[in-house]
Amino acid sequence: MLVELWLRGVRNLAECRVRPSAGLSVFVGANGSGKTSLLEAAYVLGLGRSFRTHRLARVAQSGATEFAMAAELDDAHHGRSRVAVEWSGQRRSRLNGQWMEGHWEIARRLPLVAVHADSFELLTGPPEERRRLLDWGGFYVDTDFAREWRTWRRAHEQRNAALRQHDERGAERFEGVAASAGTRLTEMRARFVQDLAQHLRGPTTESLRQGLQGEIEVAFRQGWPDGEDLVAAFARSRSSDLERGFAQTGPQKADIEIRVAGRSIREASRGEQKRVLNALVVAQGKVLVSSAPAGIAPLLLLDDAVAEMDEPGLEGVMSVVAQLGWQCLATTVDETWAFDAAASQSDATMFHVKHGVITPG
């Protein structure tokens, strides 16, 4: 759980400390007031990257060359933790006063799921978005995922370097390690998709699926033909890979196929896509809770909640999240909705955001 969040040098926000509710915290303000920047900061703390930009430099205030954010966390498994992210040309992550190599351990302590303006890219965008979901899921269903991912990635990049140099023997030398680690991380990804499908069909997401004409189906595409060993797939594609200078098969080509009533999600209406997205986000969180140690629950971020979800879907998500007891940070321009949402839950807080200044009330 996010106990307190501190920010300095983040976009248009004034330096601040925010203590969100253990349940719902609603941040209301005009467009451009800084609401999304607050959620972005929480996202960077949890995942080490932004949902608004691929360049962390853009998270800094205009003209600034650095930013910092920190938080106090608390959960039944890890107890109290202090985490921080600083950027001044490169990202550095800190846990309980110690600089970390990578961001993996902080991600375990601040797991989060989010709905924002670009969330529909997960459904209809390029495969990269769904691979991030696969890696998010693999990371939380198996504690060895991070190690296997790093091993595979290093061997994959070394093989690609050899392919660019048209060095066939060099490329072959890295295939055993890449195949071994790649197969293991693929098994973890596949297990996540199986768990995700189960929750998408289960009772927790039933109310969120209302209005759909059939079941939500998710199918895992591992990145090479089913039934083929990855070492064999590398050998089969090596000649073509040498011509192109990069690997054309393997975990870097994985994807998730999402269908509703047998039709691709791309053919669904916007309303149907919203319902699928709502159910997908809750199912993600359920997979995390069922896989993580007892006492770990996701932080849900809903940016511009009223705009990105229709009213029944939004009410359904808020109701389900309240029943599950998850912490939620939501932003909106609609003060009436913010007041009603905060009043509808026993453990809720409302904040106003104006010209980058956040005040409770």
Protein backbone atom coordinates (compact mmCIF):
# COMPACT_ATOMS: atom_id res chain seq x y z
CA MET A 1 0.00 0.00 0.00
CA LEU A 2 1.14 3.52 -0.80
CA VAL A 3 1.27 5.36 2.55
CA GLU A 4 2.86 8.63 1.45
CA LEU A 5 4.13 10.02 -1.84
CA TRP A 6 6.69 12.85 -2.15
CA LEU A 7 7.50 14.61 -5.42
CA ARG A 8 10.03 17.21 -6.52
CA GLY A 9 10.63 18.57 -10.03
CA VAL A 10 7.85 16.51 -11.65
CA ARG A 11 6.27 18.25 -14.66
CA ASN A 12 4.03 21.16 -13.53
CA LEU A 13 3.56 19.93 -9.95
CA ALA A 14 4.79 21.93 -6.99
CA GLU A 15 6.92 19.99 -4.52
CA CYS A 16 4.46 18.12 -2.33
CA ARG A 17 3.70 15.29 0.03
CA VAL A 18 0.44 13.37 -0.46
CA ARG A 19 -1.01 10.82 1.95
CA PRO A 20 -3.65 8.86 0.00
CA SER A 21 -6.42 6.85 1.59
CA ALA A 22 -5.98 3.13 2.03
CA GLY A 23 -9.04 2.81 -0.20
CA LEU A 24 -10.11 5.37 -2.81
CA SER A 25 -8.38 8.72 -3.35
CA VAL A 26 -9.94 11.00 -5.96
CA PHE A 27 -7.96 13.91 -7.43
CA VAL A 28 -10.18 16.51 -9.10
CA GLY A 29 -9.11 19.50 -11.14
CA ALA A 30 -9.16 21.14 -14.55
CA ASN A 31 -7.26 19.75 -17.54
CA GLY A 32 -3.58 20.61 -17.25
CA SER A 33 -3.71 21.09 -13.49
CA GLY A 34 -1.28 18.23 -12.75
CA LYS A 35 -3.60 15.33 -11.92
CA THR A 36 -2.14 12.94 -14.49
CA SER A 37 1.39 13.93 -13.46
CA LEU A 38 0.65 12.67 -9.95
CA LEU A 39 -0.42 9.27 -11.26
CA GLU A 40 2.56 9.25 -13.61
CA ALA A 41 4.88 9.70 -10.63
CA ALA A 42 3.29 6.75 -8.82
CA TYR A 43 3.64 4.71 -12.03
CA VAL A 44 7.33 5.58 -12.38
CA LEU A 45 7.89 4.55 -8.77
CA GLY A 46 6.15 1.22 -9.33
CA LEU A 47 7.49 0.25 -12.76
CA GLY A 48 10.51 2.46 -13.34
CA ARG A 49 8.98 3.96 -16.50
CA SER A 50 6.20 6.35 -17.51
CA PHE A 51 2.89 5.59 -19.20
CA ARG A 52 3.01 8.98 -21.00
CA THR A 53 6.47 8.97 -22.58
CA HIS A 54 9.34 6.63 -23.42
CA ARG A 55 11.82 9.29 -22.27
CA LEU A 56 11.98 9.90 -18.54
CA ALA A 57 13.61 13.25 -19.24
CA ARG A 58 10.16 14.53 -20.18
CA VAL A 59 8.86 13.82 -16.68
CA ALA A 60 11.05 16.64 -15.35
CA GLN A 61 9.68 20.15 -15.12
CA SER A 62 10.18 22.36 -18.16
CA GLY A 63 13.78 23.50 -18.28
CA ALA A 64 14.84 21.20 -15.42
CA THR A 65 17.52 18.53 -15.69
CA GLU A 66 16.40 16.31 -12.82
CA PHE A 67 13.46 15.11 -10.78
CA ALA A 68 12.92 12.92 -7.74
CA MET A 69 10.04 11.01 -6.22
CA ALA A 70 9.86 8.89 -3.10
CA ALA A 71 7.28 6.96 -1.14
CA GLU A 72 6.65 5.08 2.04
CA LEU A 73 5.04 1.68 1.45
CA ASP A 74 3.47 -0.83 3.78
CA ASP A 75 2.22 -4.37 3.27
CA ALA A 76 1.80 -7.50 5.34
CA HIS A 77 4.67 -9.33 3.59
CA HIS A 78 7.46 -6.72 3.37
CA GLY A 79 6.38 -4.42 6.20
CA ARG A 80 7.36 -0.75 5.91
CA SER A 81 9.59 0.22 2.97
CA ARG A 82 11.06 3.45 1.66
CA VAL A 83 11.47 3.64 -2.10
CA ALA A 84 12.70 6.39 -4.41
CA VAL A 85 13.45 7.13 -8.05
CA GLU A 86 15.79 9.93 -9.10
CA TRP A 87 16.60 11.06 -12.61
CA SER A 88 19.42 13.34 -13.73
CA GLY A 89 20.35 11.99 -17.14
CA GLN A 90 19.65 8.42 -16.08
CA ARG A 91 17.28 6.70 -13.68
CA ARG A 92 18.46 5.53 -10.27
CA SER A 93 16.24 3.50 -7.94
CA ARG A 94 16.65 3.28 -4.18
CA LEU A 95 15.14 0.89 -1.63
CA ASN A 96 15.47 1.53 2.10
CA GLY A 97 18.41 3.84 1.50
CA GLN A 98 20.30 1.47 -0.81
CA TRP A 99 20.81 2.10 -4.53
CA MET A 100 19.48 -0.82 -6.57
CA GLU A 101 20.68 -2.48 -9.75
CA GLY A 102 17.51 -2.34 -11.81
CA HIS A 103 14.02 -1.78 -10.45
CA TRP A 104 12.73 -5.32 -9.92
CA GLU A 105 12.63 -5.37 -6.12
CA ILE A 106 10.73 -2.09 -5.89
CA ALA A 107 8.22 -3.38 -8.44
CA ARG A 108 7.50 -6.30 -6.12
CA ARG A 109 6.66 -3.90 -3.29
CA LEU A 110 4.54 -1.49 -5.34
CA PRO A 111 2.63 -3.62 -7.88
CA LEU A 112 0.17 -1.58 -9.87
CA VAL A 113 -2.37 -1.73 -12.68
CA ALA A 114 -3.56 1.32 -14.59
CA VAL A 115 -6.16 2.68 -16.97
CA HIS A 116 -5.13 5.82 -18.85
CA ALA A 117 -5.58 7.53 -22.21
CA ASP A 118 -3.33 5.06 -24.04
CA SER A 119 -4.65 1.90 -22.38
CA PHE A 120 -6.63 0.92 -25.48
CA GLU A 121 -3.27 0.38 -27.20
CA LEU A 122 -3.09 -2.79 -25.14
CA LEU A 123 -6.10 -4.08 -27.07
CA THR A 124 -5.57 -2.67 -30.56
CA GLY A 125 -2.00 -1.37 -30.64
CA PRO A 126 1.30 -3.02 -31.58
CA PRO A 127 2.48 -6.27 -29.92
CA GLU A 128 5.00 -4.38 -27.75
CA GLU A 129 2.17 -3.25 -25.46
CA ARG A 130 0.96 -6.80 -24.90
CA ARG A 131 4.50 -8.07 -24.38
CA ARG A 132 4.81 -5.60 -21.51
CA LEU A 133 1.68 -7.19 -20.06
CA LEU A 134 3.20 -10.66 -20.53
CA ASP A 135 6.37 -9.61 -18.73
CA TRP A 136 4.37 -7.92 -15.95
CA GLY A 137 2.45 -11.16 -15.47
CA GLY A 138 5.46 -13.45 -15.73
CA PHE A 139 7.28 -11.35 -13.16
CA TYR A 140 4.49 -11.71 -10.61
CA VAL A 141 3.64 -15.38 -11.19
CA ASP A 142 7.24 -16.59 -10.77
CA THR A 143 10.06 -15.14 -8.67
CA ASP A 144 12.64 -16.50 -11.16
CA PHE A 145 11.23 -14.53 -14.08
CA ALA A 146 13.50 -11.50 -13.69
CA ARG A 147 16.63 -13.67 -13.67
CA GLU A 148 15.54 -15.70 -16.72
CA TRP A 149 14.50 -12.55 -18.59
CA ARG A 150 17.90 -10.92 -18.01
CA THR A 151 19.73 -14.08 -19.10
CA TRP A 152 17.63 -14.44 -22.23
CA ARG A 153 17.87 -10.75 -23.11
CA ARG A 154 21.66 -10.72 -22.82
CA ALA A 155 22.04 -13.83 -25.01
CA HIS A 156 19.43 -12.52 -27.49
CA GLU A 157 21.32 -9.23 -27.90
CA GLN A 158 24.64 -11.03 -28.27
CA ARG A 159 23.17 -13.31 -30.95
CA ASN A 160 21.74 -10.29 -32.75
CA ALA A 161 25.14 -8.59 -32.65
CA ALA A 162 26.68 -11.66 -34.30
CA LEU A 163 23.89 -11.76 -36.90
CA ARG A 164 24.55 -8.12 -37.83
CA GLN A 165 28.19 -9.05 -38.41
CA HIS A 166 27.12 -12.08 -40.50
CA ASP A 167 28.96 -14.29 -38.01
CA GLU A 168 27.07 -17.59 -38.19
CA ARG A 169 29.29 -19.45 -35.73
CA GLY A 170 29.06 -16.56 -33.28
CA ALA A 171 25.28 -16.48 -33.54
CA GLU A 172 25.06 -20.24 -33.00
CA ARG A 173 27.24 -19.95 -29.90
CA PHE A 174 24.56 -17.94 -28.03
CA GLU A 175 21.57 -19.98 -29.14
CA GLY A 176 21.74 -22.58 -26.37
CA VAL A 177 21.61 -20.00 -23.56
CA ALA A 178 18.97 -17.92 -25.35
CA ALA A 179 16.82 -20.99 -25.97
CA SER A 180 17.11 -22.32 -22.43
CA ALA A 181 16.23 -19.04 -20.68
CA GLY A 182 13.75 -18.09 -23.40
CA THR A 183 11.86 -21.34 -22.99
CA ARG A 184 11.61 -20.92 -19.23
CA LEU A 185 10.37 -17.32 -19.38
CA THR A 186 7.90 -18.37 -22.08
CA GLU A 187 6.50 -21.03 -19.75
CA MET A 188 5.98 -18.32 -17.10
CA ARG A 189 4.28 -16.04 -19.61
CA ALA A 190 2.00 -18.87 -20.69
CA ARG A 191 1.03 -19.62 -17.10
CA PHE A 192 0.14 -15.96 -16.60
CA VAL A 193 -2.14 -15.99 -19.66
CA GLN A 194 -3.85 -19.16 -18.37
CA ASP A 195 -4.48 -17.47 -15.01
CA LEU A 196 -5.64 -14.28 -16.74
CA ALA A 197 -8.14 -16.23 -18.84
CA GLN A 198 -9.50 -17.94 -15.74
CA HIS A 199 -10.20 -14.62 -14.01
CA LEU A 200 -11.66 -13.13 -17.18
CA ARG A 201 -14.26 -15.90 -17.09
CA GLY A 202 -14.66 -15.87 -13.31
CA PRO A 203 -17.18 -14.28 -10.94
CA THR A 204 -15.02 -11.26 -10.03
CA THR A 205 -15.25 -9.79 -13.53
CA GLU A 206 -18.81 -10.96 -14.27
CA SER A 207 -20.42 -7.56 -13.70
CA LEU A 208 -17.77 -5.87 -15.84
CA ARG A 209 -18.51 -8.15 -18.79
CA GLN A 210 -22.20 -7.28 -18.93
CA GLY A 211 -23.19 -6.07 -22.38
CA LEU A 212 -20.71 -8.28 -24.20
CA GLN A 213 -22.21 -10.75 -26.66
CA GLY A 214 -19.88 -13.58 -25.68
CA GLU A 215 -16.88 -14.62 -23.62
CA ILE A 216 -13.54 -12.81 -23.59
CA GLU A 217 -10.90 -15.15 -24.97
CA VAL A 218 -7.15 -14.69 -24.65
CA ALA A 219 -4.64 -16.86 -26.49
CA PHE A 220 -0.87 -16.83 -26.00
CA ARG A 221 1.40 -16.67 -29.05
CA GLN A 222 4.89 -17.61 -27.88
CA GLY A 223 6.86 -16.19 -30.82
CA TRP A 224 7.69 -19.39 -32.72
CA PRO A 225 5.58 -22.35 -33.91
CA ASP A 226 3.85 -24.34 -31.18
CA GLY A 227 5.40 -27.76 -30.66
CA GLU A 228 8.80 -26.67 -31.97
CA ASP A 229 11.83 -26.56 -29.69
CA LEU A 230 13.33 -23.07 -29.54
CA VAL A 231 16.83 -24.40 -30.37
CA ALA A 232 15.36 -25.97 -33.50
CA ALA A 233 13.54 -22.73 -34.31
CA PHE A 234 16.82 -20.81 -34.09
CA ALA A 235 18.56 -23.31 -36.36
CA ARG A 236 15.71 -23.22 -38.89
CA SER A 237 15.69 -19.42 -39.11
CA ARG A 238 19.45 -18.82 -38.85
CA SER A 239 20.12 -18.36 -42.56
CA SER A 240 17.29 -15.88 -42.93
CA ASP A 241 18.32 -14.15 -39.70
CA LEU A 242 21.84 -13.70 -41.07
CA GLU A 243 20.45 -12.07 -44.20
CA ARG A 244 18.30 -9.65 -42.21
CA GLY A 245 20.73 -9.07 -39.35
CA PHE A 246 18.31 -9.84 -36.49
CA ALA A 247 16.38 -12.70 -34.93
CA GLN A 248 12.95 -13.30 -36.43
CA THR A 249 11.79 -15.91 -33.96
CA GLY A 250 11.78 -16.19 -30.18
CA PRO A 251 10.23 -14.58 -27.07
CA GLN A 252 10.73 -11.07 -28.52
CA LYS A 253 7.95 -11.93 -31.00
CA ALA A 254 5.40 -13.09 -28.42
CA ASP A 255 1.88 -11.69 -28.35
CA ILE A 256 -1.58 -12.15 -26.84
CA GLU A 257 -4.59 -12.56 -29.12
CA ILE A 258 -7.76 -11.11 -27.56
CA ARG A 259 -11.17 -12.04 -28.92
CA VAL A 260 -14.80 -11.46 -27.90
CA ALA A 261 -17.42 -13.97 -29.02
CA GLY A 262 -14.88 -15.35 -31.49
CA ARG A 263 -14.14 -11.95 -33.09
CA SER A 264 -10.90 -10.01 -32.83
CA ILE A 265 -11.05 -7.24 -30.25
CA ARG A 266 -10.11 -4.85 -33.07
CA GLU A 267 -13.53 -5.49 -34.62
CA ALA A 268 -15.39 -4.72 -31.38
CA SER A 269 -17.15 -1.42 -30.72
CA ARG A 270 -15.55 1.18 -28.47
CA GLY A 271 -18.06 0.31 -25.77
CA GLU A 272 -17.18 -3.38 -25.97
CA GLN A 273 -13.49 -2.53 -25.86
CA LYS A 274 -14.06 -0.48 -22.71
CA ARG A 275 -15.78 -3.43 -21.03
CA VAL A 276 -12.94 -5.76 -22.03
CA LEU A 277 -10.36 -3.28 -20.74
CA ASN A 278 -12.19 -2.95 -17.42
CA ALA A 279 -12.32 -6.71 -17.00
CA LEU A 280 -8.70 -7.11 -18.10
CA VAL A 281 -7.40 -4.64 -15.53
CA VAL A 282 -9.28 -6.32 -12.68
CA ALA A 283 -8.22 -9.79 -13.89
CA GLN A 284 -4.60 -8.58 -13.92
CA GLY A 285 -4.91 -7.59 -10.30
CA LYS A 286 -6.53 -10.88 -9.39
CA VAL A 287 -3.64 -12.82 -10.96
CA LEU A 288 -1.22 -10.76 -8.91
CA VAL A 289 -3.10 -11.34 -5.65
CA SER A 290 -3.34 -15.09 -6.29
CA SER A 291 0.37 -15.37 -7.18
CA ALA A 292 2.03 -12.93 -4.77
CA PRO A 293 2.72 -13.55 -1.07
CA ALA A 294 -0.20 -13.03 1.28
CA GLY A 295 -0.91 -9.38 1.99
CA ILE A 296 0.16 -8.06 -1.43
CA ALA A 297 -2.50 -6.24 -3.45
CA PRO A 298 -2.23 -3.95 -6.49
CA LEU A 299 -2.45 -0.19 -6.54
CA LEU A 300 -5.03 0.77 -9.18
CA LEU A 301 -4.48 4.02 -11.11
CA LEU A 302 -7.48 5.43 -13.03
CA ASP A 303 -6.56 8.50 -15.03
CA ASP A 304 -9.45 10.68 -16.22
CA ALA A 305 -11.72 7.88 -15.10
CA VAL A 306 -15.01 9.33 -16.32
CA ALA A 307 -13.67 9.94 -19.84
CA GLU A 308 -11.99 6.58 -20.34
CA MET A 309 -14.89 4.43 -19.05
CA ASP A 310 -18.63 4.60 -19.60
CA GLU A 311 -20.73 5.10 -16.48
CA PRO A 312 -21.80 1.45 -15.94
CA GLY A 313 -18.23 0.27 -16.49
CA LEU A 314 -16.76 2.83 -14.14
CA GLU A 315 -19.32 2.04 -11.45
CA GLY A 316 -18.59 -1.65 -11.92
CA VAL A 317 -14.83 -1.18 -11.54
CA MET A 318 -15.22 1.02 -8.47
CA SER A 319 -17.61 -1.47 -6.89
CA VAL A 320 -15.35 -4.46 -7.59
CA VAL A 321 -12.24 -2.64 -6.35
CA ALA A 322 -14.03 -1.63 -3.15
CA GLN A 323 -15.13 -5.23 -2.58
CA LEU A 324 -11.58 -6.47 -3.16
CA GLY A 325 -10.12 -3.85 -0.82
CA TRP A 326 -7.57 -2.48 -3.29
CA GLN A 327 -6.07 0.97 -2.98
CA CYS A 328 -7.08 3.23 -5.88
CA LEU A 329 -5.93 6.66 -7.09
CA ALA A 330 -8.40 8.18 -9.57
CA THR A 331 -8.38 11.53 -11.38
CA THR A 332 -11.27 13.43 -12.91
CA VAL A 333 -12.39 16.86 -14.07
CA ASP A 334 -15.91 16.09 -12.85
CA GLU A 335 -16.22 17.39 -9.29
CA THR A 336 -19.75 15.99 -8.90
CA TRP A 337 -18.54 12.48 -9.75
CA ALA A 338 -15.51 12.91 -7.48
CA PHE A 339 -17.72 13.92 -4.55
CA ASP A 340 -20.20 11.08 -5.15
CA ALA A 341 -17.41 8.50 -5.58
CA ALA A 342 -15.68 9.59 -2.37
CA ALA A 343 -18.98 9.66 -0.47
CA SER A 344 -19.92 6.17 -1.67
CA GLN A 345 -16.95 4.49 0.02
CA SER A 346 -16.18 4.44 3.71
CA ASP A 347 -12.40 4.76 3.27
CA ALA A 348 -12.10 7.54 0.69
CA THR A 349 -10.38 10.91 0.38
CA MET A 350 -10.79 13.73 -2.14
CA PHE A 351 -8.01 16.08 -3.24
CA HIS A 352 -8.17 19.23 -5.35
CA VAL A 353 -5.43 19.95 -7.89
CA LYS A 354 -5.02 23.50 -9.18
CA HIS A 355 -2.02 25.00 -11.00
CA GLY A 356 0.16 22.11 -9.81
CA VAL A 357 -0.78 22.43 -6.14
CA ILE A 358 -2.50 19.47 -4.44
CA THR A 359 -4.71 20.12 -1.41
CA PRO A 360 -6.98 17.75 0.54
CA GLY A 361 -10.67 18.48 0.78
